[in-house]
Amino acid sequence: MIGLKQQKNMGFTLLELIVAIGVFIVVVTISLSAFLNVHDIQLKMSAFRAASDSLNFVVEAMAREIKEGVGHACRAGSCSDDQYYDEIEFSTIDTPPKEITYKFDNTSKSIKRKVDSGSLEPFTPDNVTINNLSFTVKGFDSFPDDLQQPMVTISIEGKAGVKEKLKSKINIQTTVSLRQLDIIP
């Protein structure tokens, strides 16, 4: 039996198995970190969208009431053009009229709303932190000094998100032209 070759044991050596397992662990770790990163981005976008939708609703509700209100007043009483205010008051045209106040509360980092002589109630959702609210007014001076239709620009700066690293900044601004005409003598 000289022509027969001795058959080797077929298989992997211990060194080959350790290298293969090491390469597999590196590939799985990179894939898992990429998956977790995509998951965090999805959570951030979901929180941003929910907060953005909530703030859009708040801004639209404020704009609707401000647009149809009368007798607007700012923090120091009458509103002056191109001044920034963190509070605005006005009356509704309902019967009987209601006194509405919107105000930025720096302590709770939220927008508060008050109706008549009631207490200030939170108007923004809990998932949003408001850093700044400002009302800029134009056209509130008396005729004939002012020939511009009264307008209020609402600007909101805030953050949304659960985890600090996943928080998104949100800036919303809208300008409202009041329905009441004041340019006629």
N, C-alpha and C. Protein backbone atom coordinates (compact mmCIF):
# COMPACT_ATOMS: atom_id res chain seq x y z
N MET A 1 0.79 -1.16 0.00
CA MET A 1 0.00 0.00 0.00
C MET A 1 0.85 1.24 0.00
N ILE A 2 1.72 1.21 -0.86
CA ILE A 2 2.64 2.32 -0.96
C ILE A 2 1.97 3.49 -1.67
N GLY A 3 1.04 3.27 -2.55
CA GLY A 3 0.41 4.33 -3.33
C GLY A 3 -0.64 5.13 -2.56
N LEU A 4 -1.00 4.66 -1.43
CA LEU A 4 -2.02 5.39 -0.67
C LEU A 4 -1.38 6.52 0.13
N LYS A 5 -2.01 7.65 0.07
CA LYS A 5 -1.52 8.78 0.85
C LYS A 5 -2.24 8.78 2.18
N GLN A 6 -1.54 9.25 3.14
CA GLN A 6 -2.15 9.34 4.46
C GLN A 6 -3.12 10.53 4.47
N GLN A 7 -4.35 10.29 4.92
CA GLN A 7 -5.40 11.31 4.90
C GLN A 7 -5.26 12.20 6.14
N LYS A 8 -5.27 13.52 5.92
CA LYS A 8 -5.18 14.48 7.03
C LYS A 8 -6.55 14.65 7.65
N ASN A 9 -6.57 15.02 8.93
CA ASN A 9 -7.84 15.37 9.57
C ASN A 9 -8.30 16.69 8.98
N MET A 10 -9.52 16.71 8.50
CA MET A 10 -10.07 17.92 7.91
C MET A 10 -10.75 18.71 9.02
N GLY A 11 -10.51 20.04 9.09
CA GLY A 11 -11.12 20.89 10.11
C GLY A 11 -10.30 22.16 10.26
N PHE A 12 -10.72 22.97 11.22
CA PHE A 12 -10.05 24.24 11.47
C PHE A 12 -9.17 24.12 12.69
N THR A 13 -8.10 24.86 12.65
CA THR A 13 -7.26 24.90 13.83
C THR A 13 -7.86 25.88 14.84
N LEU A 14 -7.40 25.81 16.05
CA LEU A 14 -7.89 26.70 17.10
C LEU A 14 -7.62 28.16 16.74
N LEU A 15 -6.51 28.46 16.17
CA LEU A 15 -6.16 29.82 15.77
C LEU A 15 -7.12 30.34 14.70
N GLU A 16 -7.46 29.51 13.73
CA GLU A 16 -8.40 29.92 12.69
C GLU A 16 -9.78 30.21 13.28
N LEU A 17 -10.23 29.41 14.23
CA LEU A 17 -11.53 29.64 14.88
C LEU A 17 -11.54 30.95 15.67
N ILE A 18 -10.47 31.23 16.37
CA ILE A 18 -10.39 32.48 17.16
C ILE A 18 -10.41 33.69 16.24
N VAL A 19 -9.70 33.65 15.13
CA VAL A 19 -9.68 34.76 14.17
C VAL A 19 -11.07 34.94 13.55
N ALA A 20 -11.72 33.85 13.17
CA ALA A 20 -13.05 33.93 12.56
C ALA A 20 -14.07 34.52 13.54
N ILE A 21 -14.03 34.09 14.79
CA ILE A 21 -14.95 34.61 15.80
C ILE A 21 -14.65 36.09 16.06
N GLY A 22 -13.40 36.47 16.10
CA GLY A 22 -13.03 37.88 16.30
C GLY A 22 -13.55 38.76 15.17
N VAL A 23 -13.39 38.33 13.92
CA VAL A 23 -13.89 39.10 12.78
C VAL A 23 -15.42 39.19 12.84
N PHE A 24 -16.08 38.10 13.20
CA PHE A 24 -17.54 38.08 13.32
C PHE A 24 -18.00 39.08 14.39
N ILE A 25 -17.34 39.13 15.52
CA ILE A 25 -17.72 40.05 16.61
C ILE A 25 -17.53 41.50 16.17
N VAL A 26 -16.46 41.81 15.46
CA VAL A 26 -16.23 43.17 14.98
C VAL A 26 -17.35 43.58 14.01
N VAL A 27 -17.70 42.71 13.08
CA VAL A 27 -18.77 43.02 12.11
C VAL A 27 -20.10 43.21 12.82
N VAL A 28 -20.43 42.37 13.79
CA VAL A 28 -21.70 42.49 14.52
C VAL A 28 -21.72 43.78 15.35
N THR A 29 -20.61 44.13 15.97
CA THR A 29 -20.54 45.36 16.77
C THR A 29 -20.76 46.60 15.91
N ILE A 30 -20.13 46.65 14.75
CA ILE A 30 -20.31 47.78 13.85
C ILE A 30 -21.75 47.84 13.35
N SER A 31 -22.31 46.71 12.98
CA SER A 31 -23.70 46.67 12.52
C SER A 31 -24.67 47.09 13.62
N LEU A 32 -24.44 46.64 14.85
CA LEU A 32 -25.32 46.97 15.96
C LEU A 32 -25.25 48.46 16.29
N SER A 33 -24.04 49.04 16.27
CA SER A 33 -23.93 50.47 16.56
C SER A 33 -24.61 51.29 15.46
N ALA A 34 -24.51 50.87 14.22
CA ALA A 34 -25.20 51.58 13.14
C ALA A 34 -26.72 51.47 13.32
N PHE A 35 -27.22 50.30 13.69
CA PHE A 35 -28.64 50.12 13.92
C PHE A 35 -29.12 51.00 15.08
N LEU A 36 -28.37 51.04 16.18
CA LEU A 36 -28.76 51.86 17.33
C LEU A 36 -28.74 53.35 16.97
N ASN A 37 -27.79 53.77 16.15
CA ASN A 37 -27.73 55.15 15.71
C ASN A 37 -28.95 55.51 14.86
N VAL A 38 -29.33 54.63 13.96
CA VAL A 38 -30.52 54.86 13.14
C VAL A 38 -31.77 54.90 14.02
N HIS A 39 -31.81 54.04 15.02
CA HIS A 39 -32.95 54.02 15.95
C HIS A 39 -33.04 55.33 16.73
N ASP A 40 -31.90 55.85 17.21
CA ASP A 40 -31.88 57.14 17.91
C ASP A 40 -32.35 58.28 17.00
N ILE A 41 -31.91 58.27 15.76
CA ILE A 41 -32.33 59.29 14.79
C ILE A 41 -33.83 59.21 14.56
N GLN A 42 -34.36 58.00 14.46
CA GLN A 42 -35.79 57.83 14.27
C GLN A 42 -36.56 58.36 15.48
N LEU A 43 -36.08 58.10 16.70
CA LEU A 43 -36.72 58.62 17.91
C LEU A 43 -36.68 60.14 17.93
N LYS A 44 -35.54 60.70 17.54
CA LYS A 44 -35.41 62.16 17.52
C LYS A 44 -36.37 62.78 16.52
N MET A 45 -36.48 62.21 15.35
CA MET A 45 -37.38 62.74 14.33
C MET A 45 -38.84 62.59 14.75
N SER A 46 -39.16 61.49 15.40
CA SER A 46 -40.52 61.27 15.87
C SER A 46 -40.89 62.29 16.95
N ALA A 47 -39.98 62.53 17.90
CA ALA A 47 -40.22 63.52 18.94
C ALA A 47 -40.31 64.93 18.34
N PHE A 48 -39.46 65.23 17.38
CA PHE A 48 -39.49 66.54 16.73
C PHE A 48 -40.82 66.75 16.01
N ARG A 49 -41.27 65.74 15.32
CA ARG A 49 -42.53 65.88 14.57
C ARG A 49 -43.71 66.08 15.52
N ALA A 50 -43.75 65.30 16.60
CA ALA A 50 -44.85 65.44 17.57
C ALA A 50 -44.83 66.82 18.21
N ALA A 51 -43.64 67.28 18.59
CA ALA A 51 -43.53 68.60 19.22
C ALA A 51 -43.84 69.71 18.22
N SER A 52 -43.38 69.56 17.00
CA SER A 52 -43.64 70.56 15.98
C SER A 52 -45.14 70.65 15.68
N ASP A 53 -45.79 69.52 15.58
CA ASP A 53 -47.24 69.52 15.36
C ASP A 53 -47.96 70.19 16.53
N SER A 54 -47.54 69.89 17.76
CA SER A 54 -48.16 70.49 18.94
C SER A 54 -47.96 72.00 18.96
N LEU A 55 -46.73 72.45 18.66
CA LEU A 55 -46.46 73.89 18.66
C LEU A 55 -47.19 74.59 17.51
N ASN A 56 -47.31 73.94 16.38
CA ASN A 56 -48.09 74.53 15.28
C ASN A 56 -49.53 74.73 15.69
N PHE A 57 -50.09 73.76 16.41
CA PHE A 57 -51.46 73.91 16.91
C PHE A 57 -51.55 75.09 17.87
N VAL A 58 -50.58 75.21 18.79
CA VAL A 58 -50.58 76.31 19.76
C VAL A 58 -50.51 77.66 19.04
N VAL A 59 -49.61 77.77 18.06
CA VAL A 59 -49.45 79.03 17.33
C VAL A 59 -50.72 79.36 16.54
N GLU A 60 -51.31 78.36 15.91
CA GLU A 60 -52.54 78.61 15.16
C GLU A 60 -53.68 79.06 16.07
N ALA A 61 -53.80 78.45 17.24
CA ALA A 61 -54.85 78.84 18.19
C ALA A 61 -54.63 80.27 18.69
N MET A 62 -53.36 80.59 19.01
CA MET A 62 -53.04 81.94 19.45
C MET A 62 -53.32 82.95 18.33
N ALA A 63 -52.88 82.64 17.13
CA ALA A 63 -53.05 83.55 16.00
C ALA A 63 -54.53 83.80 15.71
N ARG A 64 -55.33 82.76 15.78
CA ARG A 64 -56.76 82.92 15.52
C ARG A 64 -57.40 83.86 16.53
N GLU A 65 -57.08 83.68 17.81
CA GLU A 65 -57.67 84.53 18.84
C GLU A 65 -57.14 85.96 18.76
N ILE A 66 -55.85 86.12 18.51
CA ILE A 66 -55.27 87.47 18.41
C ILE A 66 -55.85 88.21 17.21
N LYS A 67 -56.00 87.50 16.08
CA LYS A 67 -56.52 88.12 14.86
C LYS A 67 -57.93 88.66 15.06
N GLU A 68 -58.75 87.94 15.79
CA GLU A 68 -60.14 88.35 15.96
C GLU A 68 -60.38 89.16 17.22
N GLY A 69 -59.32 89.39 18.01
CA GLY A 69 -59.47 90.14 19.25
C GLY A 69 -59.49 91.65 19.03
N VAL A 70 -59.86 92.36 20.09
CA VAL A 70 -59.88 93.82 20.07
C VAL A 70 -59.24 94.33 21.36
N GLY A 71 -58.81 95.58 21.33
CA GLY A 71 -58.26 96.20 22.54
C GLY A 71 -56.97 95.56 23.01
N HIS A 72 -56.06 95.30 22.10
CA HIS A 72 -54.80 94.64 22.44
C HIS A 72 -53.95 95.53 23.35
N ALA A 73 -53.35 94.90 24.35
CA ALA A 73 -52.43 95.60 25.26
C ALA A 73 -51.24 94.69 25.51
N CYS A 74 -50.09 95.31 25.71
CA CYS A 74 -48.88 94.56 25.99
C CYS A 74 -48.53 94.71 27.46
N ARG A 75 -47.42 94.15 27.86
CA ARG A 75 -47.07 94.08 29.28
C ARG A 75 -47.14 95.42 29.99
N ALA A 76 -46.63 96.46 29.41
CA ALA A 76 -46.58 97.76 30.08
C ALA A 76 -47.80 98.62 29.77
N GLY A 77 -48.85 98.03 29.26
CA GLY A 77 -50.05 98.80 28.91
C GLY A 77 -50.23 98.81 27.42
N SER A 78 -50.07 99.97 26.80
CA SER A 78 -50.27 100.04 25.35
C SER A 78 -49.06 99.46 24.63
N CYS A 79 -49.32 98.95 23.45
CA CYS A 79 -48.26 98.35 22.64
C CYS A 79 -47.58 99.41 21.79
N SER A 80 -46.27 99.40 21.74
CA SER A 80 -45.51 100.33 20.90
C SER A 80 -44.89 99.55 19.74
N ASP A 81 -44.81 100.22 18.59
CA ASP A 81 -44.28 99.57 17.40
C ASP A 81 -42.86 99.07 17.60
N ASP A 82 -42.59 97.92 16.99
CA ASP A 82 -41.26 97.29 16.94
C ASP A 82 -40.68 97.01 18.32
N GLN A 83 -41.50 96.82 19.31
CA GLN A 83 -41.05 96.42 20.64
C GLN A 83 -41.35 94.93 20.81
N TYR A 84 -40.52 94.25 21.61
CA TYR A 84 -40.73 92.83 21.89
C TYR A 84 -41.39 92.71 23.26
N TYR A 85 -42.44 91.92 23.33
CA TYR A 85 -43.15 91.70 24.57
C TYR A 85 -43.28 90.20 24.81
N ASP A 86 -43.27 89.79 26.08
CA ASP A 86 -43.47 88.38 26.39
C ASP A 86 -44.89 88.10 26.87
N GLU A 87 -45.75 89.11 26.73
CA GLU A 87 -47.14 88.98 27.17
C GLU A 87 -48.02 89.87 26.30
N ILE A 88 -49.23 89.38 26.00
CA ILE A 88 -50.20 90.19 25.26
C ILE A 88 -51.59 89.89 25.81
N GLU A 89 -52.39 90.94 25.90
CA GLU A 89 -53.77 90.83 26.39
C GLU A 89 -54.71 91.43 25.35
N PHE A 90 -55.93 90.89 25.28
CA PHE A 90 -56.93 91.43 24.37
C PHE A 90 -58.29 90.88 24.78
N SER A 91 -59.33 91.42 24.17
CA SER A 91 -60.69 90.97 24.41
C SER A 91 -61.20 90.26 23.17
N THR A 92 -62.03 89.26 23.38
CA THR A 92 -62.65 88.57 22.25
C THR A 92 -63.90 89.34 21.82
N ILE A 93 -64.40 89.01 20.65
CA ILE A 93 -65.61 89.67 20.16
C ILE A 93 -66.86 88.86 20.51
N ASP A 94 -66.69 87.85 21.36
CA ASP A 94 -67.82 87.03 21.80
C ASP A 94 -68.77 87.86 22.63
N THR A 95 -69.96 87.32 22.85
CA THR A 95 -70.91 87.95 23.76
C THR A 95 -71.14 87.00 24.91
N PRO A 96 -70.77 87.30 26.11
CA PRO A 96 -70.02 88.47 26.54
C PRO A 96 -68.55 88.31 26.18
N PRO A 97 -67.85 89.43 26.04
CA PRO A 97 -66.43 89.35 25.68
C PRO A 97 -65.60 88.71 26.79
N LYS A 98 -64.54 88.04 26.38
CA LYS A 98 -63.61 87.42 27.33
C LYS A 98 -62.28 88.15 27.23
N GLU A 99 -61.63 88.32 28.36
CA GLU A 99 -60.28 88.88 28.39
C GLU A 99 -59.30 87.71 28.29
N ILE A 100 -58.46 87.69 27.26
CA ILE A 100 -57.49 86.62 27.03
C ILE A 100 -56.09 87.17 27.24
N THR A 101 -55.25 86.42 27.93
CA THR A 101 -53.85 86.79 28.12
C THR A 101 -52.97 85.60 27.73
N TYR A 102 -51.95 85.87 26.92
CA TYR A 102 -50.91 84.89 26.62
C TYR A 102 -49.62 85.42 27.21
N LYS A 103 -48.89 84.54 27.90
CA LYS A 103 -47.69 84.98 28.61
C LYS A 103 -46.65 83.86 28.62
N PHE A 104 -45.37 84.26 28.52
CA PHE A 104 -44.27 83.31 28.66
C PHE A 104 -43.93 83.18 30.13
N ASP A 105 -43.92 81.94 30.63
CA ASP A 105 -43.55 81.68 32.03
C ASP A 105 -42.14 81.10 32.05
N ASN A 106 -41.18 81.90 32.50
CA ASN A 106 -39.78 81.49 32.49
C ASN A 106 -39.51 80.38 33.51
N THR A 107 -40.31 80.30 34.56
CA THR A 107 -40.10 79.28 35.60
C THR A 107 -40.43 77.89 35.06
N SER A 108 -41.59 77.75 34.46
CA SER A 108 -42.00 76.44 33.95
C SER A 108 -41.59 76.22 32.50
N LYS A 109 -41.00 77.25 31.87
CA LYS A 109 -40.57 77.17 30.47
C LYS A 109 -41.74 76.76 29.57
N SER A 110 -42.85 77.50 29.72
CA SER A 110 -44.04 77.19 28.94
C SER A 110 -44.80 78.47 28.61
N ILE A 111 -45.75 78.35 27.72
CA ILE A 111 -46.66 79.45 27.40
C ILE A 111 -47.91 79.23 28.24
N LYS A 112 -48.35 80.29 28.89
CA LYS A 112 -49.54 80.19 29.73
C LYS A 112 -50.64 81.06 29.13
N ARG A 113 -51.89 80.63 29.36
CA ARG A 113 -53.06 81.34 28.86
C ARG A 113 -54.01 81.58 30.02
N LYS A 114 -54.56 82.77 30.06
CA LYS A 114 -55.52 83.12 31.10
C LYS A 114 -56.78 83.64 30.43
N VAL A 115 -57.94 83.20 30.92
CA VAL A 115 -59.22 83.68 30.43
C VAL A 115 -59.90 84.43 31.56
N ASP A 116 -60.26 85.69 31.28
CA ASP A 116 -60.90 86.58 32.26
C ASP A 116 -60.03 86.67 33.51
N SER A 117 -60.62 86.49 34.68
CA SER A 117 -59.85 86.64 35.92
C SER A 117 -59.37 85.29 36.44
N GLY A 118 -59.41 84.26 35.60
CA GLY A 118 -58.94 82.93 36.01
C GLY A 118 -57.44 82.90 36.19
N SER A 119 -56.93 81.74 36.51
CA SER A 119 -55.49 81.61 36.70
C SER A 119 -54.81 81.28 35.37
N LEU A 120 -53.50 81.52 35.34
CA LEU A 120 -52.72 81.18 34.15
C LEU A 120 -52.61 79.66 34.05
N GLU A 121 -53.03 79.12 32.92
CA GLU A 121 -52.99 77.68 32.68
C GLU A 121 -51.98 77.38 31.59
N PRO A 122 -51.26 76.26 31.70
CA PRO A 122 -50.31 75.89 30.63
C PRO A 122 -51.03 75.72 29.30
N PHE A 123 -50.43 76.26 28.25
CA PHE A 123 -51.03 76.19 26.93
C PHE A 123 -50.17 75.35 25.98
N THR A 124 -48.97 75.01 26.41
CA THR A 124 -48.07 74.22 25.59
C THR A 124 -48.01 72.79 26.14
N PRO A 125 -47.73 71.81 25.28
CA PRO A 125 -47.65 70.42 25.73
C PRO A 125 -46.42 70.18 26.62
N ASP A 126 -46.48 69.09 27.38
CA ASP A 126 -45.38 68.76 28.30
C ASP A 126 -44.11 68.33 27.57
N ASN A 127 -44.23 67.84 26.34
CA ASN A 127 -43.05 67.35 25.63
C ASN A 127 -42.24 68.47 24.97
N VAL A 128 -42.63 69.73 25.21
CA VAL A 128 -41.94 70.87 24.61
C VAL A 128 -41.50 71.83 25.71
N THR A 129 -40.25 72.26 25.64
CA THR A 129 -39.72 73.28 26.55
C THR A 129 -39.61 74.58 25.76
N ILE A 130 -40.26 75.62 26.24
CA ILE A 130 -40.21 76.91 25.56
C ILE A 130 -39.08 77.74 26.16
N ASN A 131 -38.17 78.19 25.33
CA ASN A 131 -37.06 79.03 25.78
C ASN A 131 -37.36 80.52 25.63
N ASN A 132 -38.22 80.86 24.67
CA ASN A 132 -38.53 82.26 24.45
C ASN A 132 -39.86 82.38 23.71
N LEU A 133 -40.64 83.36 24.12
CA LEU A 133 -41.87 83.73 23.42
C LEU A 133 -41.86 85.24 23.31
N SER A 134 -42.04 85.74 22.10
CA SER A 134 -42.09 87.20 21.96
C SER A 134 -43.19 87.58 20.99
N PHE A 135 -43.82 88.70 21.31
CA PHE A 135 -44.82 89.31 20.47
C PHE A 135 -44.24 90.64 20.00
N THR A 136 -44.13 90.82 18.70
CA THR A 136 -43.69 92.08 18.12
C THR A 136 -44.89 92.72 17.46
N VAL A 137 -45.15 93.97 17.80
CA VAL A 137 -46.34 94.63 17.30
C VAL A 137 -45.98 95.75 16.34
N LYS A 138 -46.87 95.98 15.38
CA LYS A 138 -46.73 97.08 14.43
C LYS A 138 -48.12 97.64 14.17
N GLY A 139 -48.18 98.94 13.97
CA GLY A 139 -49.44 99.56 13.59
C GLY A 139 -50.41 99.79 14.73
N PHE A 140 -49.93 99.80 15.96
CA PHE A 140 -50.82 100.00 17.10
C PHE A 140 -50.89 101.47 17.54
N ASP A 141 -50.12 102.34 16.88
CA ASP A 141 -50.21 103.76 17.21
C ASP A 141 -51.52 104.32 16.69
N SER A 142 -51.94 105.42 17.23
CA SER A 142 -53.23 106.02 16.87
C SER A 142 -53.15 106.74 15.53
N PHE A 143 -54.29 106.79 14.85
CA PHE A 143 -54.43 107.56 13.62
C PHE A 143 -54.33 109.03 13.98
N PRO A 144 -53.73 109.93 13.31
CA PRO A 144 -53.13 109.86 11.98
C PRO A 144 -51.63 109.54 12.02
N ASP A 145 -51.05 109.28 13.22
CA ASP A 145 -49.62 108.97 13.30
C ASP A 145 -49.29 107.64 12.63
N ASP A 146 -50.26 106.76 12.55
CA ASP A 146 -50.01 105.42 12.04
C ASP A 146 -51.03 105.10 10.95
N LEU A 147 -50.53 104.77 9.78
CA LEU A 147 -51.41 104.40 8.67
C LEU A 147 -51.29 102.91 8.34
N GLN A 148 -50.73 102.13 9.25
CA GLN A 148 -50.51 100.71 9.00
C GLN A 148 -51.55 99.88 9.76
N GLN A 149 -52.03 98.83 9.12
CA GLN A 149 -52.96 97.91 9.77
C GLN A 149 -52.23 97.22 10.92
N PRO A 150 -52.85 97.11 12.10
CA PRO A 150 -52.19 96.45 13.24
C PRO A 150 -51.82 95.00 12.92
N MET A 151 -50.59 94.65 13.29
CA MET A 151 -50.08 93.29 13.09
C MET A 151 -49.32 92.86 14.34
N VAL A 152 -49.37 91.57 14.61
CA VAL A 152 -48.62 90.98 15.72
C VAL A 152 -47.80 89.83 15.14
N THR A 153 -46.50 89.83 15.41
CA THR A 153 -45.64 88.71 15.02
C THR A 153 -45.37 87.89 16.27
N ILE A 154 -45.70 86.61 16.20
CA ILE A 154 -45.48 85.69 17.31
C ILE A 154 -44.25 84.86 16.99
N SER A 155 -43.27 84.88 17.88
CA SER A 155 -42.04 84.09 17.70
C SER A 155 -41.86 83.18 18.91
N ILE A 156 -41.64 81.90 18.63
CA ILE A 156 -41.46 80.91 19.70
C ILE A 156 -40.16 80.15 19.44
N GLU A 157 -39.33 80.05 20.47
CA GLU A 157 -38.13 79.21 20.42
C GLU A 157 -38.29 78.14 21.49
N GLY A 158 -38.03 76.90 21.12
CA GLY A 158 -38.17 75.83 22.09
C GLY A 158 -37.33 74.63 21.75
N LYS A 159 -37.44 73.61 22.61
CA LYS A 159 -36.76 72.34 22.42
C LYS A 159 -37.76 71.23 22.65
N ALA A 160 -37.54 70.13 21.94
CA ALA A 160 -38.40 68.97 22.11
C ALA A 160 -37.55 67.71 22.15
N GLY A 161 -38.00 66.74 22.92
CA GLY A 161 -37.31 65.47 23.01
C GLY A 161 -37.24 64.99 24.43
N VAL A 162 -36.98 63.69 24.57
CA VAL A 162 -36.93 63.08 25.90
C VAL A 162 -35.51 63.11 26.45
N LYS A 163 -34.58 62.51 25.72
CA LYS A 163 -33.19 62.49 26.16
C LYS A 163 -32.48 63.77 25.71
N GLU A 164 -31.50 64.19 26.48
CA GLU A 164 -30.80 65.45 26.17
C GLU A 164 -30.11 65.38 24.81
N LYS A 165 -29.50 64.26 24.48
CA LYS A 165 -28.78 64.17 23.20
C LYS A 165 -29.74 64.07 22.01
N LEU A 166 -31.01 63.76 22.28
CA LEU A 166 -31.98 63.63 21.21
C LEU A 166 -32.88 64.85 21.06
N LYS A 167 -32.63 65.91 21.83
CA LYS A 167 -33.49 67.10 21.78
C LYS A 167 -33.24 67.88 20.49
N SER A 168 -34.34 68.42 19.95
CA SER A 168 -34.28 69.22 18.73
C SER A 168 -34.75 70.62 19.03
N LYS A 169 -34.09 71.60 18.41
CA LYS A 169 -34.52 72.99 18.54
C LYS A 169 -35.65 73.25 17.56
N ILE A 170 -36.64 74.01 18.05
CA ILE A 170 -37.77 74.37 17.20
C ILE A 170 -37.95 75.87 17.27
N ASN A 171 -38.02 76.51 16.10
CA ASN A 171 -38.31 77.94 16.01
C ASN A 171 -39.51 78.12 15.09
N ILE A 172 -40.55 78.75 15.64
CA ILE A 172 -41.77 78.99 14.85
C ILE A 172 -42.09 80.47 14.93
N GLN A 173 -42.47 81.03 13.79
CA GLN A 173 -42.85 82.45 13.75
C GLN A 173 -44.01 82.62 12.79
N THR A 174 -44.95 83.45 13.18
CA THR A 174 -46.05 83.79 12.28
C THR A 174 -46.46 85.23 12.54
N THR A 175 -46.97 85.87 11.51
CA THR A 175 -47.46 87.24 11.63
C THR A 175 -48.96 87.24 11.41
N VAL A 176 -49.66 87.94 12.29
CA VAL A 176 -51.11 87.99 12.26
C VAL A 176 -51.54 89.43 12.00
N SER A 177 -52.36 89.63 11.01
CA SER A 177 -52.94 90.94 10.75
C SER A 177 -54.31 90.95 11.41
N LEU A 178 -54.55 91.97 12.24
CA LEU A 178 -55.80 92.02 12.97
C LEU A 178 -56.95 92.34 12.03
N ARG A 179 -58.12 91.80 12.32
CA ARG A 179 -59.29 92.05 11.49
C ARG A 179 -59.84 93.45 11.68
N GLN A 180 -59.66 94.00 12.86
CA GLN A 180 -60.20 95.32 13.13
C GLN A 180 -59.37 96.37 12.38
N LEU A 181 -60.04 97.21 11.64
CA LEU A 181 -59.36 98.28 10.92
C LEU A 181 -59.20 99.47 11.82
N ASP A 182 -58.00 100.05 11.81
CA ASP A 182 -57.78 101.26 12.61
C ASP A 182 -57.22 102.41 11.78
N ILE A 183 -57.24 102.24 10.47
CA ILE A 183 -56.63 103.28 9.62
C ILE A 183 -57.65 104.30 9.13
N ILE A 184 -58.89 104.13 9.54
CA ILE A 184 -59.94 105.08 9.12
C ILE A 184 -60.14 106.09 10.24
N PRO A 185 -60.13 107.40 9.94
CA PRO A 185 -60.27 108.39 11.00
C PRO A 185 -61.68 108.39 11.59
